[in-house]
N, C-alpha and C. Protein backbone atom coordinates (compact mmCIF):
# COMPACT_ATOMS: atom_id res chain seq x y z
N MET A 1 94.75 81.22 141.77
CA MET A 1 94.75 82.66 141.77
C MET A 1 96.05 83.20 141.18
N LYS A 2 97.18 82.58 141.56
CA LYS A 2 98.46 83.02 141.04
C LYS A 2 98.54 82.84 139.53
N LYS A 3 97.98 81.72 139.03
CA LYS A 3 98.01 81.47 137.59
C LYS A 3 97.19 82.52 136.85
N SER A 4 96.04 82.88 137.39
CA SER A 4 95.19 83.91 136.75
C SER A 4 95.91 85.25 136.72
N LEU A 5 96.56 85.58 137.83
CA LEU A 5 97.29 86.83 137.91
C LEU A 5 98.45 86.85 136.91
N LEU A 6 99.16 85.72 136.79
CA LEU A 6 100.26 85.63 135.84
C LEU A 6 99.77 85.78 134.41
N CYS A 7 98.66 85.14 134.07
CA CYS A 7 98.10 85.25 132.72
C CYS A 7 97.69 86.69 132.42
N LEU A 8 97.02 87.33 133.36
CA LEU A 8 96.60 88.72 133.18
C LEU A 8 97.82 89.63 133.03
N LEU A 9 98.82 89.41 133.85
CA LEU A 9 100.04 90.21 133.79
C LEU A 9 100.74 90.02 132.44
N ALA A 10 100.78 88.80 131.94
CA ALA A 10 101.41 88.52 130.65
C ALA A 10 100.72 89.27 129.52
N VAL A 11 99.39 89.32 129.54
CA VAL A 11 98.64 90.04 128.50
C VAL A 11 98.90 91.54 128.59
N VAL A 12 98.90 92.08 129.80
CA VAL A 12 99.11 93.51 129.99
C VAL A 12 100.52 93.91 129.57
N VAL A 13 101.52 93.14 129.98
CA VAL A 13 102.91 93.46 129.68
C VAL A 13 103.21 93.29 128.19
N SER A 14 102.56 92.35 127.53
CA SER A 14 102.84 92.10 126.12
C SER A 14 102.35 93.22 125.22
N GLY A 15 101.50 94.08 125.74
CA GLY A 15 100.99 95.17 124.92
C GLY A 15 99.85 94.74 124.02
N CYS A 16 99.34 93.57 124.24
CA CYS A 16 98.23 93.06 123.44
C CYS A 16 97.00 93.93 123.68
N GLN A 17 96.47 94.51 122.63
CA GLN A 17 95.31 95.38 122.75
C GLN A 17 94.06 94.60 122.36
N LEU A 18 93.32 94.17 123.33
CA LEU A 18 92.08 93.46 123.07
C LEU A 18 91.00 94.46 122.71
N ASN A 19 90.27 94.17 121.65
CA ASN A 19 89.16 95.02 121.23
C ASN A 19 89.63 96.45 120.93
N ASP A 20 90.76 96.58 120.24
CA ASP A 20 91.34 97.88 119.89
C ASP A 20 90.39 98.64 118.97
N PRO A 21 89.92 99.83 119.38
CA PRO A 21 88.95 100.57 118.58
C PRO A 21 89.57 101.33 117.41
N ARG A 22 90.89 101.40 117.35
CA ARG A 22 91.53 102.16 116.27
C ARG A 22 91.35 101.45 114.93
N PRO A 23 91.12 102.23 113.87
CA PRO A 23 90.98 101.60 112.56
C PRO A 23 92.33 101.06 112.09
N PRO A 24 92.30 100.07 111.20
CA PRO A 24 93.56 99.52 110.71
C PRO A 24 94.28 100.53 109.82
N MET A 25 95.61 100.47 109.82
CA MET A 25 96.41 101.33 108.94
C MET A 25 96.48 100.68 107.57
N GLU A 26 96.31 101.47 106.53
CA GLU A 26 96.37 100.98 105.15
C GLU A 26 97.38 101.82 104.39
N ARG A 27 98.00 101.24 103.40
CA ARG A 27 98.98 101.97 102.60
C ARG A 27 98.28 102.84 101.56
N ALA A 28 98.86 103.99 101.30
CA ALA A 28 98.41 104.88 100.24
C ALA A 28 99.42 104.79 99.10
N THR A 29 99.03 105.26 97.94
CA THR A 29 99.99 105.33 96.83
C THR A 29 100.39 106.78 96.65
N VAL A 30 101.65 106.98 96.32
CA VAL A 30 102.17 108.33 96.10
C VAL A 30 102.82 108.36 94.73
N SER A 31 102.50 109.39 93.96
CA SER A 31 103.08 109.56 92.63
C SER A 31 103.18 111.05 92.33
N ALA A 32 103.76 111.37 91.18
CA ALA A 32 103.82 112.76 90.74
C ALA A 32 102.81 112.94 89.62
N VAL A 33 101.95 113.94 89.75
CA VAL A 33 100.95 114.27 88.74
C VAL A 33 101.07 115.76 88.46
N ALA A 34 101.33 116.12 87.22
CA ALA A 34 101.49 117.52 86.82
C ALA A 34 102.52 118.23 87.71
N ASN A 35 103.62 117.54 87.97
CA ASN A 35 104.72 118.08 88.78
C ASN A 35 104.34 118.34 90.23
N GLN A 36 103.30 117.70 90.72
CA GLN A 36 102.86 117.83 92.11
C GLN A 36 102.81 116.45 92.75
N VAL A 37 103.02 116.38 94.06
CA VAL A 37 102.89 115.12 94.78
C VAL A 37 101.41 114.76 94.86
N CYS A 38 101.09 113.53 94.50
CA CYS A 38 99.70 113.06 94.51
C CYS A 38 99.60 111.86 95.44
N ILE A 39 98.80 111.99 96.49
CA ILE A 39 98.58 110.91 97.44
C ILE A 39 97.19 110.36 97.18
N ARG A 40 97.10 109.04 96.97
CA ARG A 40 95.80 108.42 96.72
C ARG A 40 95.55 107.36 97.79
N VAL A 41 94.31 107.30 98.25
CA VAL A 41 93.88 106.32 99.23
C VAL A 41 92.75 105.49 98.63
N GLN A 42 92.41 104.41 99.29
CA GLN A 42 91.34 103.52 98.82
C GLN A 42 90.17 103.57 99.79
N PRO A 43 89.28 104.57 99.65
CA PRO A 43 88.16 104.67 100.58
C PRO A 43 87.15 103.54 100.37
N GLU A 44 86.44 103.21 101.43
CA GLU A 44 85.40 102.18 101.37
C GLU A 44 84.06 102.83 101.71
N GLY A 45 83.05 102.57 100.90
CA GLY A 45 81.70 103.06 101.20
C GLY A 45 81.61 104.57 101.25
N ASP A 46 81.11 105.09 102.36
CA ASP A 46 80.86 106.53 102.50
C ASP A 46 82.03 107.29 103.12
N GLU A 47 83.23 106.72 103.12
CA GLU A 47 84.36 107.36 103.79
C GLU A 47 84.71 108.71 103.16
N THR A 48 84.97 109.68 104.03
CA THR A 48 85.43 111.01 103.64
C THR A 48 86.71 111.29 104.42
N ILE A 49 87.37 112.40 104.11
CA ILE A 49 88.62 112.73 104.79
C ILE A 49 88.32 113.39 106.13
N GLY A 50 88.84 112.81 107.21
CA GLY A 50 88.69 113.37 108.54
C GLY A 50 89.88 114.21 108.95
N ALA A 51 91.08 113.84 108.46
CA ALA A 51 92.28 114.60 108.81
C ALA A 51 93.41 114.25 107.84
N ILE A 52 94.30 115.21 107.67
CA ILE A 52 95.51 115.02 106.87
C ILE A 52 96.68 115.50 107.71
N TYR A 53 97.71 114.67 107.80
CA TYR A 53 98.90 115.02 108.56
C TYR A 53 100.12 114.77 107.66
N ILE A 54 100.93 115.80 107.46
CA ILE A 54 102.16 115.68 106.68
C ILE A 54 103.28 116.30 107.50
N GLU A 55 104.41 115.59 107.57
CA GLU A 55 105.56 116.12 108.30
C GLU A 55 106.84 115.70 107.61
N GLU A 56 107.74 116.65 107.43
CA GLU A 56 109.05 116.33 106.88
C GLU A 56 109.84 115.60 107.96
N VAL A 57 110.43 114.47 107.62
CA VAL A 57 111.18 113.67 108.59
C VAL A 57 112.37 114.49 109.10
N GLY A 58 112.48 114.60 110.42
CA GLY A 58 113.59 115.32 111.04
C GLY A 58 113.39 116.82 111.13
N ASN A 59 112.22 117.31 110.72
CA ASN A 59 111.97 118.75 110.77
C ASN A 59 110.51 118.98 111.16
N VAL A 60 110.23 118.92 112.45
CA VAL A 60 108.84 119.03 112.92
C VAL A 60 108.23 120.40 112.69
N SER A 61 109.06 121.40 112.37
CA SER A 61 108.49 122.72 112.09
C SER A 61 107.83 122.75 110.70
N ARG A 62 108.13 121.77 109.86
CA ARG A 62 107.52 121.70 108.53
C ARG A 62 106.44 120.62 108.54
N LYS A 63 105.30 120.99 109.11
CA LYS A 63 104.22 120.01 109.17
C LYS A 63 102.88 120.66 108.84
N LEU A 64 101.97 119.81 108.43
CA LEU A 64 100.58 120.20 108.18
C LEU A 64 99.72 119.25 108.99
N ASP A 65 98.84 119.78 109.80
CA ASP A 65 97.90 118.98 110.59
C ASP A 65 96.53 119.60 110.39
N GLN A 66 95.81 119.10 109.40
CA GLN A 66 94.53 119.68 109.03
C GLN A 66 93.41 118.70 109.35
N ARG A 67 92.42 119.16 110.12
CA ARG A 67 91.30 118.31 110.52
C ARG A 67 90.02 118.85 109.91
N PHE A 68 89.13 117.92 109.58
CA PHE A 68 87.87 118.29 108.95
C PHE A 68 86.71 117.73 109.76
N GLY A 69 85.54 118.35 109.63
CA GLY A 69 84.36 117.87 110.33
C GLY A 69 84.24 118.41 111.73
N GLU A 70 85.17 119.27 112.13
CA GLU A 70 85.11 119.89 113.46
C GLU A 70 84.64 121.33 113.29
N ASN A 71 83.90 121.82 114.26
CA ASN A 71 83.41 123.21 114.23
C ASN A 71 82.62 123.51 112.96
N GLY A 72 81.88 122.53 112.49
CA GLY A 72 81.01 122.74 111.33
C GLY A 72 81.68 122.66 109.98
N SER A 73 82.99 122.36 109.93
CA SER A 73 83.66 122.28 108.62
C SER A 73 83.26 120.99 107.91
N GLU A 74 83.25 121.05 106.60
CA GLU A 74 82.89 119.90 105.77
C GLU A 74 84.07 118.94 105.66
N ARG A 75 83.76 117.65 105.58
CA ARG A 75 84.80 116.66 105.31
C ARG A 75 84.90 116.49 103.79
N PRO A 76 86.10 116.63 103.22
CA PRO A 76 86.24 116.47 101.77
C PRO A 76 85.91 115.04 101.34
N VAL A 77 85.21 114.94 100.21
CA VAL A 77 84.92 113.64 99.62
C VAL A 77 86.22 113.13 99.00
N VAL A 78 86.43 111.84 99.08
CA VAL A 78 87.66 111.26 98.54
C VAL A 78 87.30 110.08 97.65
N SER A 79 88.08 109.90 96.58
CA SER A 79 87.89 108.73 95.72
C SER A 79 89.27 108.17 95.38
N ALA A 80 89.30 106.92 94.99
CA ALA A 80 90.57 106.27 94.67
C ALA A 80 91.22 106.88 93.44
N ASP A 81 90.45 107.57 92.60
CA ASP A 81 90.97 108.13 91.36
C ASP A 81 91.56 109.53 91.51
N ASN A 82 91.28 110.21 92.62
CA ASN A 82 91.72 111.59 92.78
C ASN A 82 92.77 111.72 93.88
N CYS A 83 93.58 112.76 93.76
CA CYS A 83 94.61 113.04 94.77
C CYS A 83 93.97 113.63 96.02
N VAL A 84 94.51 113.27 97.16
CA VAL A 84 94.07 113.85 98.43
C VAL A 84 94.56 115.31 98.46
N PRO A 85 93.72 116.26 98.85
CA PRO A 85 94.18 117.65 98.90
C PRO A 85 95.26 117.83 99.97
N THR A 86 96.34 118.52 99.61
CA THR A 86 97.45 118.71 100.55
C THR A 86 97.63 120.17 100.96
N ALA A 87 96.65 121.01 100.71
CA ALA A 87 96.68 122.42 101.12
C ALA A 87 97.96 123.12 100.66
N ASN A 88 98.39 122.78 99.44
CA ASN A 88 99.60 123.39 98.85
C ASN A 88 100.85 123.21 99.71
N TYR A 89 100.92 122.11 100.45
CA TYR A 89 102.12 121.80 101.23
C TYR A 89 103.31 121.70 100.27
N LEU A 90 104.42 122.32 100.62
CA LEU A 90 105.59 122.33 99.76
C LEU A 90 106.46 121.10 100.03
N PHE A 91 106.39 120.13 99.13
CA PHE A 91 107.25 118.96 99.20
C PHE A 91 108.57 119.32 98.52
N ILE A 92 109.68 119.09 99.19
CA ILE A 92 111.00 119.42 98.65
C ILE A 92 111.64 118.12 98.15
N PRO A 93 112.16 118.11 96.91
CA PRO A 93 112.78 116.89 96.37
C PRO A 93 113.89 116.37 97.28
N ASP A 94 114.04 115.06 97.29
CA ASP A 94 115.08 114.35 98.04
C ASP A 94 114.94 114.46 99.55
N ARG A 95 113.76 114.77 100.03
CA ARG A 95 113.48 114.77 101.47
C ARG A 95 112.42 113.71 101.74
N ALA A 96 112.42 113.19 102.95
CA ALA A 96 111.45 112.15 103.33
C ALA A 96 110.32 112.78 104.14
N TYR A 97 109.13 112.20 103.99
CA TYR A 97 107.95 112.73 104.66
C TYR A 97 107.13 111.61 105.27
N ASN A 98 106.50 111.91 106.40
CA ASN A 98 105.48 111.04 106.97
C ASN A 98 104.14 111.65 106.61
N VAL A 99 103.25 110.83 106.08
CA VAL A 99 101.93 111.31 105.68
C VAL A 99 100.89 110.36 106.24
N ALA A 100 99.84 110.92 106.82
CA ALA A 100 98.71 110.11 107.29
C ALA A 100 97.43 110.79 106.83
N VAL A 101 96.53 110.00 106.28
CA VAL A 101 95.21 110.48 105.89
C VAL A 101 94.20 109.67 106.67
N GLU A 102 93.44 110.33 107.51
CA GLU A 102 92.43 109.65 108.33
C GLU A 102 91.09 109.73 107.61
N LEU A 103 90.50 108.57 107.38
CA LEU A 103 89.20 108.52 106.72
C LEU A 103 88.11 108.33 107.76
N TYR A 104 86.96 108.95 107.50
CA TYR A 104 85.83 108.90 108.43
C TYR A 104 84.62 108.34 107.71
N SER A 105 83.88 107.47 108.39
CA SER A 105 82.66 106.89 107.83
C SER A 105 81.54 106.97 108.86
N ALA A 106 80.50 107.72 108.54
CA ALA A 106 79.34 107.81 109.44
C ALA A 106 78.68 106.44 109.59
N ASP A 107 78.63 105.66 108.49
CA ASP A 107 78.03 104.33 108.55
C ASP A 107 78.78 103.42 109.52
N LYS A 108 80.11 103.44 109.46
CA LYS A 108 80.91 102.59 110.35
C LYS A 108 80.78 103.02 111.80
N VAL A 109 80.67 104.33 112.03
CA VAL A 109 80.48 104.83 113.40
C VAL A 109 79.16 104.33 113.95
N LYS A 110 78.10 104.39 113.14
CA LYS A 110 76.78 103.92 113.58
C LYS A 110 76.82 102.43 113.90
N LYS A 111 77.46 101.64 113.01
CA LYS A 111 77.54 100.19 113.23
C LYS A 111 78.32 99.88 114.51
N THR A 112 79.39 100.62 114.76
CA THR A 112 80.20 100.39 115.96
C THR A 112 79.40 100.69 117.22
N HIS A 113 78.66 101.79 117.21
CA HIS A 113 77.88 102.16 118.40
C HIS A 113 76.71 101.21 118.62
N HIS A 114 76.10 100.71 117.55
CA HIS A 114 74.97 99.80 117.70
C HIS A 114 75.40 98.39 118.08
N SER A 115 76.61 98.01 117.67
CA SER A 115 77.04 96.64 117.95
C SER A 115 77.81 96.52 119.26
N SER A 116 78.13 97.65 119.90
CA SER A 116 78.89 97.55 121.15
C SER A 116 78.01 97.02 122.27
N PRO A 117 78.58 96.18 123.13
CA PRO A 117 77.79 95.59 124.22
C PRO A 117 77.36 96.65 125.22
N ALA A 118 76.18 96.45 125.81
CA ALA A 118 75.65 97.42 126.78
C ALA A 118 76.15 97.15 128.16
């Protein structure tokens, strides 16, 4: 019993997330196109944009947190060849930014719900 408790405690304390439902993080490419910041992602299958988050490092008042697909809004279609829309966010030269683009796939959601144990 003590050994089982120790093993369980070791897993919990280590932060090991078994069966973590969060999607994996992937790198995006960033470049300048027509004097504008261009963020490109690599969508798979039917993925569309679920959310865009941009924040200037060290300045939380300069952030964009835009979500799509809620309250009847459309999710923008995304392709590897086009820039992710940034809602005219003002990127200032020589400043650092955190950017996250969340992709959504109806097909992957269906597969996850159908394959989960009952």
